[in-house]
Amino acid sequence: DGMNEKGLVANLLYLVESEYSPKDDPRPALVVSSWAQYMLDNFATVEEAVADARREQYRMVTVEAPNGAPGTLHLSLSDATGDSAILEYIGGELVVHHSRDHQVMTNSPVFEQQLALNRYWQEIGGTVMLPGTNRAADRFVRASFYINAVPQTDDAKEAVAAVFSVVRNCSVPRGISTPDQPNISSTIWRTVSDQKNLIYFYENTAAPSVLWVDLKRVDFSEGSGSRKLDLAGDLMRGGDQTDSFRASDPFRFLVPAR
């Protein structure tokens, strides 16, 4: 997950159905672990990012996840104007869903099927009955309903609180064990991006507090250097952490699977 200084937000989620181009594809490779970073480094809006993706000047290559399985992902983008897009590679081909109406992405199945399932539940009637399991398809339906049911407000604090409440409702309990469903895993962190005020909120599900960073107070000028906020083992940190970043080497992305 991430947000840049223009308010473009990128989120990567696991998608088992992802299939990228073959290894003999001659185009330059972009490793999937840096897909979100590529978008945040180069574009200010969803429209710009989607236009670049549609040119297909690079091929996606996967990485090996910690469990040894291929790290297959799909990408969501949103910007400060309210525009959104979902990018997936299905059967080796790029599929783009670009619309301001696309406000939710979870994991499997592919986004087109998620939309179809969501239409079914919309016909049933919202609060009358919503699917309550921890499957990605059910979490998609709940998030789609609740994000439109919470107050639509210009009060930034209320808006952030409302979005956090929706995300928490659709999270998977920490430490849950579902060995017969390996694609379901615990929610480890949650983020909310205030794209108009450029404040990025982060919540570790093992910690009691939310912390945030005000990007308006961060020096993004060329040569300002890489900085990191080290949270390892520090579960009590909370509140505004903008001034707590320290100089650090650039982030090292996972390398392509062999």
C-alpha atoms as a PDB file:
ATOM      1  CA  ASP A   1       0.000   0.000   0.000  1.00  0.00           C
ATOM      2  CA  GLY A   2       1.137   3.581  -0.516  1.00  0.00           C
ATOM      3  CA  MET A   3       0.290   7.200  -1.336  1.00  0.00           C
ATOM      4  CA  ASN A   4       2.460   9.754  -3.113  1.00  0.00           C
ATOM      5  CA  GLU A   5       2.656  13.536  -2.682  1.00  0.00           C
ATOM      6  CA  LYS A   6      -0.007  14.077  -5.375  1.00  0.00           C
ATOM      7  CA  GLY A   7      -2.581  11.909  -3.603  1.00  0.00           C
ATOM      8  CA  LEU A   8      -2.315   8.880  -5.890  1.00  0.00           C
ATOM      9  CA  VAL A   9      -2.882   5.700  -3.870  1.00  0.00           C
ATOM     10  CA  ALA A  10      -1.831   2.183  -4.885  1.00  0.00           C
ATOM     11  CA  ASN A  11      -2.771  -1.092  -3.181  1.00  0.00           C
ATOM     12  CA  LEU A  12      -1.547  -4.598  -4.007  1.00  0.00           C
ATOM     13  CA  LEU A  13      -3.526  -7.684  -2.979  1.00  0.00           C
ATOM     14  CA  TYR A  14      -2.998 -11.394  -3.531  1.00  0.00           C
ATOM     15  CA  LEU A  15      -4.896 -12.855  -6.478  1.00  0.00           C
ATOM     16  CA  VAL A  16      -4.327 -16.546  -7.106  1.00  0.00           C
ATOM     17  CA  GLU A  17      -5.894 -16.325 -10.594  1.00  0.00           C
ATOM     18  CA  SER A  18      -3.209 -13.933 -11.867  1.00  0.00           C
ATOM     19  CA  GLU A  19      -1.242 -15.120 -14.903  1.00  0.00           C
ATOM     20  CA  TYR A  20       1.511 -12.974 -16.354  1.00  0.00           C
ATOM     21  CA  SER A  21       3.208 -13.022 -19.748  1.00  0.00           C
ATOM     22  CA  PRO A  22       5.558 -15.925 -20.640  1.00  0.00           C
ATOM     23  CA  LYS A  23       9.245 -15.795 -19.767  1.00  0.00           C
ATOM     24  CA  ASP A  24      10.261 -15.418 -23.417  1.00  0.00           C
ATOM     25  CA  ASP A  25       8.408 -12.079 -23.649  1.00  0.00           C
ATOM     26  CA  PRO A  26      11.128  -9.656 -24.896  1.00  0.00           C
ATOM     27  CA  ARG A  27       9.772  -6.534 -23.190  1.00  0.00           C
ATOM     28  CA  PRO A  28      11.607  -5.070 -20.150  1.00  0.00           C
ATOM     29  CA  ALA A  29      10.556  -6.772 -16.904  1.00  0.00           C
ATOM     30  CA  LEU A  30       8.760  -5.105 -14.009  1.00  0.00           C
ATOM     31  CA  VAL A  31       8.800  -7.268 -10.886  1.00  0.00           C
ATOM     32  CA  VAL A  32       5.315  -7.462  -9.389  1.00  0.00           C
ATOM     33  CA  SER A  33       6.564  -6.527  -5.897  1.00  0.00           C
ATOM     34  CA  SER A  34       7.461  -3.048  -7.210  1.00  0.00           C
ATOM     35  CA  TRP A  35       4.307  -2.550  -9.321  1.00  0.00           C
ATOM     36  CA  ALA A  36       2.715  -0.156  -6.821  1.00  0.00           C
ATOM     37  CA  GLN A  37       5.998   1.720  -6.348  1.00  0.00           C
ATOM     38  CA  TYR A  38       6.317   2.184 -10.107  1.00  0.00           C
ATOM     39  CA  MET A  39       2.885   3.808 -10.236  1.00  0.00           C
ATOM     40  CA  LEU A  40       3.539   6.072  -7.239  1.00  0.00           C
ATOM     41  CA  ASP A  41       6.935   7.159  -8.579  1.00  0.00           C
ATOM     42  CA  ASN A  42       5.681   8.117 -12.019  1.00  0.00           C
ATOM     43  CA  PHE A  43       2.075   9.328 -11.959  1.00  0.00           C
ATOM     44  CA  ALA A  44      -0.202  11.829 -10.228  1.00  0.00           C
ATOM     45  CA  THR A  45      -3.590  10.525 -11.374  1.00  0.00           C
ATOM     46  CA  VAL A  46      -5.318   7.258 -12.187  1.00  0.00           C
ATOM     47  CA  GLU A  47      -5.859   8.429 -15.757  1.00  0.00           C
ATOM     48  CA  GLU A  48      -2.103   8.882 -16.273  1.00  0.00           C
ATOM     49  CA  ALA A  49      -1.286   5.521 -14.687  1.00  0.00           C
ATOM     50  CA  VAL A  50      -3.897   3.622 -16.691  1.00  0.00           C
ATOM     51  CA  ALA A  51      -2.788   5.247 -19.956  1.00  0.00           C
ATOM     52  CA  ASP A  52       0.771   4.079 -19.284  1.00  0.00           C
ATOM     53  CA  ALA A  53      -0.356   0.563 -18.336  1.00  0.00           C
ATOM     54  CA  ARG A  54      -2.412   0.226 -21.519  1.00  0.00           C
ATOM     55  CA  ARG A  55       0.710   0.922 -23.595  1.00  0.00           C
ATOM     56  CA  GLU A  56       2.078  -2.358 -22.175  1.00  0.00           C
ATOM     57  CA  GLN A  57       5.704  -1.336 -22.534  1.00  0.00           C
ATOM     58  CA  TYR A  58       6.825  -3.831 -19.881  1.00  0.00           C
ATOM     59  CA  ARG A  59       6.037  -7.382 -18.831  1.00  0.00           C
ATOM     60  CA  MET A  60       5.175  -8.378 -15.283  1.00  0.00           C
ATOM     61  CA  VAL A  61       7.314 -11.016 -13.570  1.00  0.00           C
ATOM     62  CA  THR A  62       6.328 -12.699 -10.327  1.00  0.00           C
ATOM     63  CA  VAL A  63       8.231 -13.158  -7.096  1.00  0.00           C
ATOM     64  CA  GLU A  64       8.367 -16.081  -4.714  1.00  0.00           C
ATOM     65  CA  ALA A  65       6.240 -15.613  -1.622  1.00  0.00           C
ATOM     66  CA  PRO A  66       7.642 -16.608   1.802  1.00  0.00           C
ATOM     67  CA  ASN A  67       5.809 -19.958   1.588  1.00  0.00           C
ATOM     68  CA  GLY A  68       7.488 -20.761  -1.728  1.00  0.00           C
ATOM     69  CA  ALA A  69       4.391 -20.131  -3.864  1.00  0.00           C
ATOM     70  CA  PRO A  70       4.335 -17.585  -6.687  1.00  0.00           C
ATOM     71  CA  GLY A  71       3.493 -14.084  -5.457  1.00  0.00           C
ATOM     72  CA  THR A  72       0.572 -13.291  -7.768  1.00  0.00           C
ATOM     73  CA  LEU A  73      -1.094  -9.912  -7.243  1.00  0.00           C
ATOM     74  CA  HIS A  74      -3.579  -7.425  -8.617  1.00  0.00           C
ATOM     75  CA  LEU A  75      -3.459  -3.646  -8.228  1.00  0.00           C
ATOM     76  CA  SER A  76      -5.958  -0.973  -7.278  1.00  0.00           C
ATOM     77  CA  LEU A  77      -5.391   2.736  -7.938  1.00  0.00           C
ATOM     78  CA  SER A  78      -7.277   5.829  -6.757  1.00  0.00           C
ATOM     79  CA  ASP A  79      -6.552   9.536  -6.751  1.00  0.00           C
ATOM     80  CA  ALA A  80      -7.585  12.804  -5.122  1.00  0.00           C
ATOM     81  CA  THR A  81     -10.273  13.450  -7.773  1.00  0.00           C
ATOM     82  CA  GLY A  82     -12.148  10.245  -6.850  1.00  0.00           C
ATOM     83  CA  ASP A  83     -11.071   8.273  -9.906  1.00  0.00           C
ATOM     84  CA  SER A  84     -10.293   4.556  -9.498  1.00  0.00           C
ATOM     85  CA  ALA A  85      -8.994   1.568 -11.443  1.00  0.00           C
ATOM     86  CA  ILE A  86      -8.330  -2.131 -10.892  1.00  0.00           C
ATOM     87  CA  LEU A  87      -5.537  -3.778 -12.906  1.00  0.00           C
ATOM     88  CA  GLU A  88      -5.250  -7.555 -13.270  1.00  0.00           C
ATOM     89  CA  TYR A  89      -3.341  -9.972 -15.494  1.00  0.00           C
ATOM     90  CA  ILE A  90      -5.678 -12.788 -16.520  1.00  0.00           C
ATOM     91  CA  GLY A  91      -4.473 -15.494 -18.909  1.00  0.00           C
ATOM     92  CA  GLY A  92      -1.347 -13.438 -19.559  1.00  0.00           C
ATOM     93  CA  GLU A  93      -3.348 -10.397 -20.692  1.00  0.00           C
ATOM     94  CA  LEU A  94      -3.775  -7.059 -18.930  1.00  0.00           C
ATOM     95  CA  VAL A  95      -7.375  -6.370 -17.861  1.00  0.00           C
ATOM     96  CA  VAL A  96      -8.211  -2.836 -16.719  1.00  0.00           C
ATOM     97  CA  HIS A  97     -11.411  -1.804 -14.907  1.00  0.00           C
ATOM     98  CA  HIS A  98     -11.357   2.011 -14.898  1.00  0.00           C
ATOM     99  CA  SER A  99     -14.293   3.776 -13.251  1.00  0.00           C
ATOM    100  CA  ARG A 100     -15.081   6.055 -10.338  1.00  0.00           C
ATOM    101  CA  ASP A 101     -17.649   3.437  -9.330  1.00  0.00           C
ATOM    102  CA  HIS A 102     -14.946   0.856  -8.518  1.00  0.00           C
ATOM    103  CA  GLN A 103     -14.460   1.608  -4.827  1.00  0.00           C
ATOM    104  CA  VAL A 104     -13.654  -1.867  -3.492  1.00  0.00           C
ATOM    105  CA  MET A 105     -11.142  -4.632  -4.240  1.00  0.00           C
ATOM    106  CA  THR A 106     -10.512  -7.779  -2.224  1.00  0.00           C
ATOM    107  CA  ASN A 107      -8.838 -11.019  -3.365  1.00  0.00           C
ATOM    108  CA  SER A 108     -10.346 -13.866  -5.403  1.00  0.00           C
ATOM    109  CA  PRO A 109     -12.223 -14.268  -7.661  1.00  0.00           C
ATOM    110  CA  VAL A 110     -11.196 -11.936 -10.499  1.00  0.00           C
ATOM    111  CA  PHE A 111     -12.732  -8.471 -10.411  1.00  0.00           C
ATOM    112  CA  GLU A 112     -15.293  -9.112 -13.169  1.00  0.00           C
ATOM    113  CA  GLN A 113     -16.725 -11.994 -11.132  1.00  0.00           C
ATOM    114  CA  GLN A 114     -16.673  -9.890  -7.967  1.00  0.00           C
ATOM    115  CA  LEU A 115     -18.844  -7.312  -9.693  1.00  0.00           C
ATOM    116  CA  ALA A 116     -21.302 -10.005 -10.792  1.00  0.00           C
ATOM    117  CA  LEU A 117     -21.551 -11.426  -7.266  1.00  0.00           C
ATOM    118  CA  ASN A 118     -22.034  -7.946  -5.876  1.00  0.00           C
ATOM    119  CA  ARG A 119     -24.929  -7.275  -8.284  1.00  0.00           C
ATOM    120  CA  TYR A 120     -26.612 -10.454  -7.016  1.00  0.00           C
ATOM    121  CA  TRP A 121     -26.462  -9.272  -3.401  1.00  0.00           C
ATOM    122  CA  GLN A 122     -27.615  -5.780  -4.367  1.00  0.00           C
ATOM    123  CA  GLU A 123     -30.751  -7.344  -5.830  1.00  0.00           C
ATOM    124  CA  ILE A 124     -31.396  -9.179  -2.544  1.00  0.00           C
ATOM    125  CA  GLY A 125     -31.435  -5.852  -0.763  1.00  0.00           C
ATOM    126  CA  GLY A 126     -28.501  -4.655   1.333  1.00  0.00           C
ATOM    127  CA  THR A 127     -29.390  -4.597   5.022  1.00  0.00           C
ATOM    128  CA  VAL A 128     -31.908  -7.399   4.630  1.00  0.00           C
ATOM    129  CA  MET A 129     -29.032  -9.847   4.285  1.00  0.00           C
ATOM    130  CA  LEU A 130     -25.299  -9.552   3.680  1.00  0.00           C
ATOM    131  CA  PRO A 131     -22.838 -12.466   3.389  1.00  0.00           C
ATOM    132  CA  GLY A 132     -20.871 -12.792   6.603  1.00  0.00           C
ATOM    133  CA  THR A 133     -18.006 -15.231   5.969  1.00  0.00           C
ATOM    134  CA  ASN A 134     -14.316 -14.317   5.749  1.00  0.00           C
ATOM    135  CA  ARG A 135     -14.128 -15.302   2.067  1.00  0.00           C
ATOM    136  CA  ALA A 136     -12.888 -12.506  -0.190  1.00  0.00           C
ATOM    137  CA  ALA A 137     -16.097 -12.495  -2.252  1.00  0.00           C
ATOM    138  CA  ASP A 138     -18.229 -11.972   0.859  1.00  0.00           C
ATOM    139  CA  ARG A 139     -15.915  -9.269   2.203  1.00  0.00           C
ATOM    140  CA  PHE A 140     -16.195  -7.513  -1.174  1.00  0.00           C
ATOM    141  CA  VAL A 141     -19.983  -7.429  -0.896  1.00  0.00           C
ATOM    142  CA  ARG A 142     -19.939  -6.118   2.671  1.00  0.00           C
ATOM    143  CA  ALA A 143     -17.382  -3.408   1.853  1.00  0.00           C
ATOM    144  CA  SER A 144     -19.337  -2.354  -1.249  1.00  0.00           C
ATOM    145  CA  PHE A 145     -22.517  -1.956   0.778  1.00  0.00           C
ATOM    146  CA  TYR A 146     -21.057  -0.276   3.855  1.00  0.00           C
ATOM    147  CA  ILE A 147     -18.807   2.211   2.030  1.00  0.00           C
ATOM    148  CA  ASN A 148     -21.948   3.669   0.460  1.00  0.00           C
ATOM    149  CA  ALA A 149     -24.039   3.361   3.619  1.00  0.00           C
ATOM    150  CA  VAL A 150     -21.712   5.377   5.895  1.00  0.00           C
ATOM    151  CA  PRO A 151     -22.106   9.194   5.917  1.00  0.00           C
ATOM    152  CA  GLN A 152     -20.636  10.986   2.907  1.00  0.00           C
ATOM    153  CA  THR A 153     -19.038  13.969   4.622  1.00  0.00           C
ATOM    154  CA  ASP A 154     -16.487  16.754   4.122  1.00  0.00           C
ATOM    155  CA  ASP A 155     -15.372  16.291   7.743  1.00  0.00           C
ATOM    156  CA  ALA A 156     -11.983  14.604   7.261  1.00  0.00           C
ATOM    157  CA  LYS A 157     -11.880  13.078  10.743  1.00  0.00           C
ATOM    158  CA  GLU A 158     -15.358  11.590  10.409  1.00  0.00           C
ATOM    159  CA  ALA A 159     -14.567  10.311   6.905  1.00  0.00           C
ATOM    160  CA  VAL A 160     -11.370   8.572   8.037  1.00  0.00           C
ATOM    161  CA  ALA A 161     -13.189   7.034  11.001  1.00  0.00           C
ATOM    162  CA  ALA A 162     -15.962   5.779   8.721  1.00  0.00           C
ATOM    163  CA  VAL A 163     -13.546   4.183   6.254  1.00  0.00           C
ATOM    164  CA  PHE A 164     -11.618   2.502   9.084  1.00  0.00           C
ATOM    165  CA  SER A 165     -14.895   1.110  10.424  1.00  0.00           C
ATOM    166  CA  VAL A 166     -15.708  -0.405   7.022  1.00  0.00           C
ATOM    167  CA  VAL A 167     -12.237  -1.912   6.613  1.00  0.00           C
ATOM    168  CA  ARG A 168     -12.355  -3.404  10.114  1.00  0.00           C
ATOM    169  CA  ASN A 169     -15.743  -4.936   9.367  1.00  0.00           C
ATOM    170  CA  CYS A 170     -14.257  -6.661   6.317  1.00  0.00           C
ATOM    171  CA  SER A 171     -10.985  -7.780   7.932  1.00  0.00           C
ATOM    172  CA  VAL A 172     -10.068 -11.383   8.690  1.00  0.00           C
ATOM    173  CA  PRO A 173      -9.577 -12.098  12.428  1.00  0.00           C
ATOM    174  CA  ARG A 174      -5.973 -12.169  13.568  1.00  0.00           C
ATOM    175  CA  GLY A 175      -4.508 -15.647  13.987  1.00  0.00           C
ATOM    176  CA  ILE A 176      -7.455 -17.431  12.398  1.00  0.00           C
ATOM    177  CA  SER A 177      -6.772 -20.991  11.258  1.00  0.00           C
ATOM    178  CA  THR A 178      -8.452 -22.219   8.054  1.00  0.00           C
ATOM    179  CA  PRO A 179      -6.126 -24.968   6.723  1.00  0.00           C
ATOM    180  CA  ASP A 180      -8.772 -26.115   4.230  1.00  0.00           C
ATOM    181  CA  GLN A 181      -8.849 -22.610   2.714  1.00  0.00           C
ATOM    182  CA  PRO A 182      -5.209 -21.556   2.192  1.00  0.00           C
ATOM    183  CA  ASN A 183      -6.191 -18.382   0.309  1.00  0.00           C
ATOM    184  CA  ILE A 184      -7.696 -16.893   3.476  1.00  0.00           C
ATOM    185  CA  SER A 185      -5.192 -15.298   5.851  1.00  0.00           C
ATOM    186  CA  SER A 186      -5.329 -12.919   8.793  1.00  0.00           C
ATOM    187  CA  THR A 187      -5.444  -9.163   8.326  1.00  0.00           C
ATOM    188  CA  ILE A 188      -2.056  -7.962   9.583  1.00  0.00           C
ATOM    189  CA  TRP A 189      -2.426  -4.224   8.942  1.00  0.00           C
ATOM    190  CA  ARG A 190      -4.944  -1.657   7.733  1.00  0.00           C
ATOM    191  CA  THR A 191      -4.322   1.677   6.000  1.00  0.00           C
ATOM    192  CA  VAL A 192      -6.524   4.650   5.169  1.00  0.00           C
ATOM    193  CA  SER A 193      -5.422   7.473   2.856  1.00  0.00           C
ATOM    194  CA  ASP A 194      -6.818  10.988   3.156  1.00  0.00           C
ATOM    195  CA  GLN A 195      -6.020  11.964  -0.432  1.00  0.00           C
ATOM    196  CA  LYS A 196      -7.189  15.560  -0.188  1.00  0.00           C
ATOM    197  CA  ASN A 197      -5.256  16.418   2.973  1.00  0.00           C
ATOM    198  CA  LEU A 198      -2.385  14.027   2.142  1.00  0.00           C
ATOM    199  CA  ILE A 199      -2.433  12.201   5.469  1.00  0.00           C
ATOM    200  CA  TYR A 200      -1.674   8.479   5.480  1.00  0.00           C
ATOM    201  CA  PHE A 201      -3.015   6.378   8.373  1.00  0.00           C
ATOM    202  CA  TYR A 202      -1.637   2.983   9.391  1.00  0.00           C
ATOM    203  CA  GLU A 203      -2.913   0.440  11.911  1.00  0.00           C
ATOM    204  CA  ASN A 204      -1.066  -2.707  12.963  1.00  0.00           C
ATOM    205  CA  THR A 205      -3.757  -5.190  14.013  1.00  0.00           C
ATOM    206  CA  ALA A 206      -1.540  -6.227  16.950  1.00  0.00           C
ATOM    207  CA  ALA A 207      -1.219  -2.641  18.205  1.00  0.00           C
ATOM    208  CA  PRO A 208      -3.683  -0.581  20.292  1.00  0.00           C
ATOM    209  CA  SER A 209      -3.264   2.679  18.353  1.00  0.00           C
ATOM    210  CA  VAL A 210      -3.408   4.169  14.867  1.00  0.00           C
ATOM    211  CA  LEU A 211      -0.463   6.204  13.599  1.00  0.00           C
ATOM    212  CA  TRP A 212      -0.269   8.602  10.680  1.00  0.00           C
ATOM    213  CA  VAL A 213       2.065  10.599   8.448  1.00  0.00           C
ATOM    214  CA  ASP A 214       1.362  14.082   7.056  1.00  0.00           C
ATOM    215  CA  LEU A 215       2.869  14.043   3.567  1.00  0.00           C
ATOM    216  CA  LYS A 216       2.556  17.845   3.307  1.00  0.00           C
ATOM    217  CA  ARG A 217       5.358  18.082   5.873  1.00  0.00           C
ATOM    218  CA  VAL A 218       7.684  15.616   4.114  1.00  0.00           C
ATOM    219  CA  ASP A 219      10.531  16.880   1.917  1.00  0.00           C
ATOM    220  CA  PHE A 220      10.136  15.131  -1.432  1.00  0.00           C
ATOM    221  CA  SER A 221      12.710  17.234  -3.277  1.00  0.00           C
ATOM    222  CA  GLU A 222      15.403  15.527  -5.324  1.00  0.00           C
ATOM    223  CA  GLY A 223      18.351  14.576  -3.143  1.00  0.00           C
ATOM    224  CA  SER A 224      16.373  14.688   0.106  1.00  0.00           C
ATOM    225  CA  GLY A 225      17.200  11.015   0.663  1.00  0.00           C
ATOM    226  CA  SER A 226      15.335   7.881   1.704  1.00  0.00           C
ATOM    227  CA  ARG A 227      13.773   7.694   5.155  1.00  0.00           C
ATOM    228  CA  LYS A 228      12.125   4.936   7.166  1.00  0.00           C
ATOM    229  CA  LEU A 229       9.863   4.655  10.196  1.00  0.00           C
ATOM    230  CA  ASP A 230      10.929   1.468  11.978  1.00  0.00           C
ATOM    231  CA  LEU A 231       7.938  -0.111  13.728  1.00  0.00           C
ATOM    232  CA  ALA A 232       9.402  -3.557  14.385  1.00  0.00           C
ATOM    233  CA  GLY A 233       8.685  -4.563  17.972  1.00  0.00           C
ATOM    234  CA  ASP A 234       7.176  -1.165  18.858  1.00  0.00           C
ATOM    235  CA  LEU A 235       3.451  -1.799  19.276  1.00  0.00           C
ATOM    236  CA  MET A 236       2.811   1.214  21.506  1.00  0.00           C
ATOM    237  CA  ARG A 237       3.708   3.868  18.934  1.00  0.00           C
ATOM    238  CA  GLY A 238       0.731   5.958  17.826  1.00  0.00           C
ATOM    239  CA  GLY A 239      -0.343   9.390  16.651  1.00  0.00           C
ATOM    240  CA  ASP A 240       1.493  11.706  14.257  1.00  0.00           C
ATOM    241  CA  GLN A 241       4.802  10.108  13.286  1.00  0.00           C
ATOM    242  CA  THR A 242       5.813  12.490  10.479  1.00  0.00           C
ATOM    243  CA  ASP A 243       8.894  13.698  12.355  1.00  0.00           C
ATOM    244  CA  SER A 244       9.936  10.211  13.473  1.00  0.00           C
ATOM    245  CA  PHE A 245      11.356   9.027  10.139  1.00  0.00           C
ATOM    246  CA  ARG A 246      15.115   8.494  10.001  1.00  0.00           C
ATOM    247  CA  ALA A 247      17.584   8.272   7.112  1.00  0.00           C
ATOM    248  CA  SER A 248      17.708   4.784   5.627  1.00  0.00           C
ATOM    249  CA  ASP A 249      18.823   2.834   2.593  1.00  0.00           C
ATOM    250  CA  PRO A 250      16.140   2.527  -0.120  1.00  0.00           C
ATOM    251  CA  PHE A 251      13.631  -0.300   0.241  1.00  0.00           C
ATOM    252  CA  ARG A 252      14.771  -3.595  -1.286  1.00  0.00           C
ATOM    253  CA  PHE A 253      12.069  -5.260  -3.364  1.00  0.00           C
ATOM    254  CA  LEU A 254      11.738  -9.013  -3.708  1.00  0.00           C
ATOM    255  CA  VAL A 255      13.543 -10.387  -6.765  1.00  0.00           C
ATOM    256  CA  PRO A 256      11.849 -12.395  -9.533  1.00  0.00           C
ATOM    257  CA  ALA A 257      11.243 -16.092  -8.977  1.00  0.00           C
ATOM    258  CA  ARG A 258      13.622 -18.381 -10.850  1.00  0.00           C
END
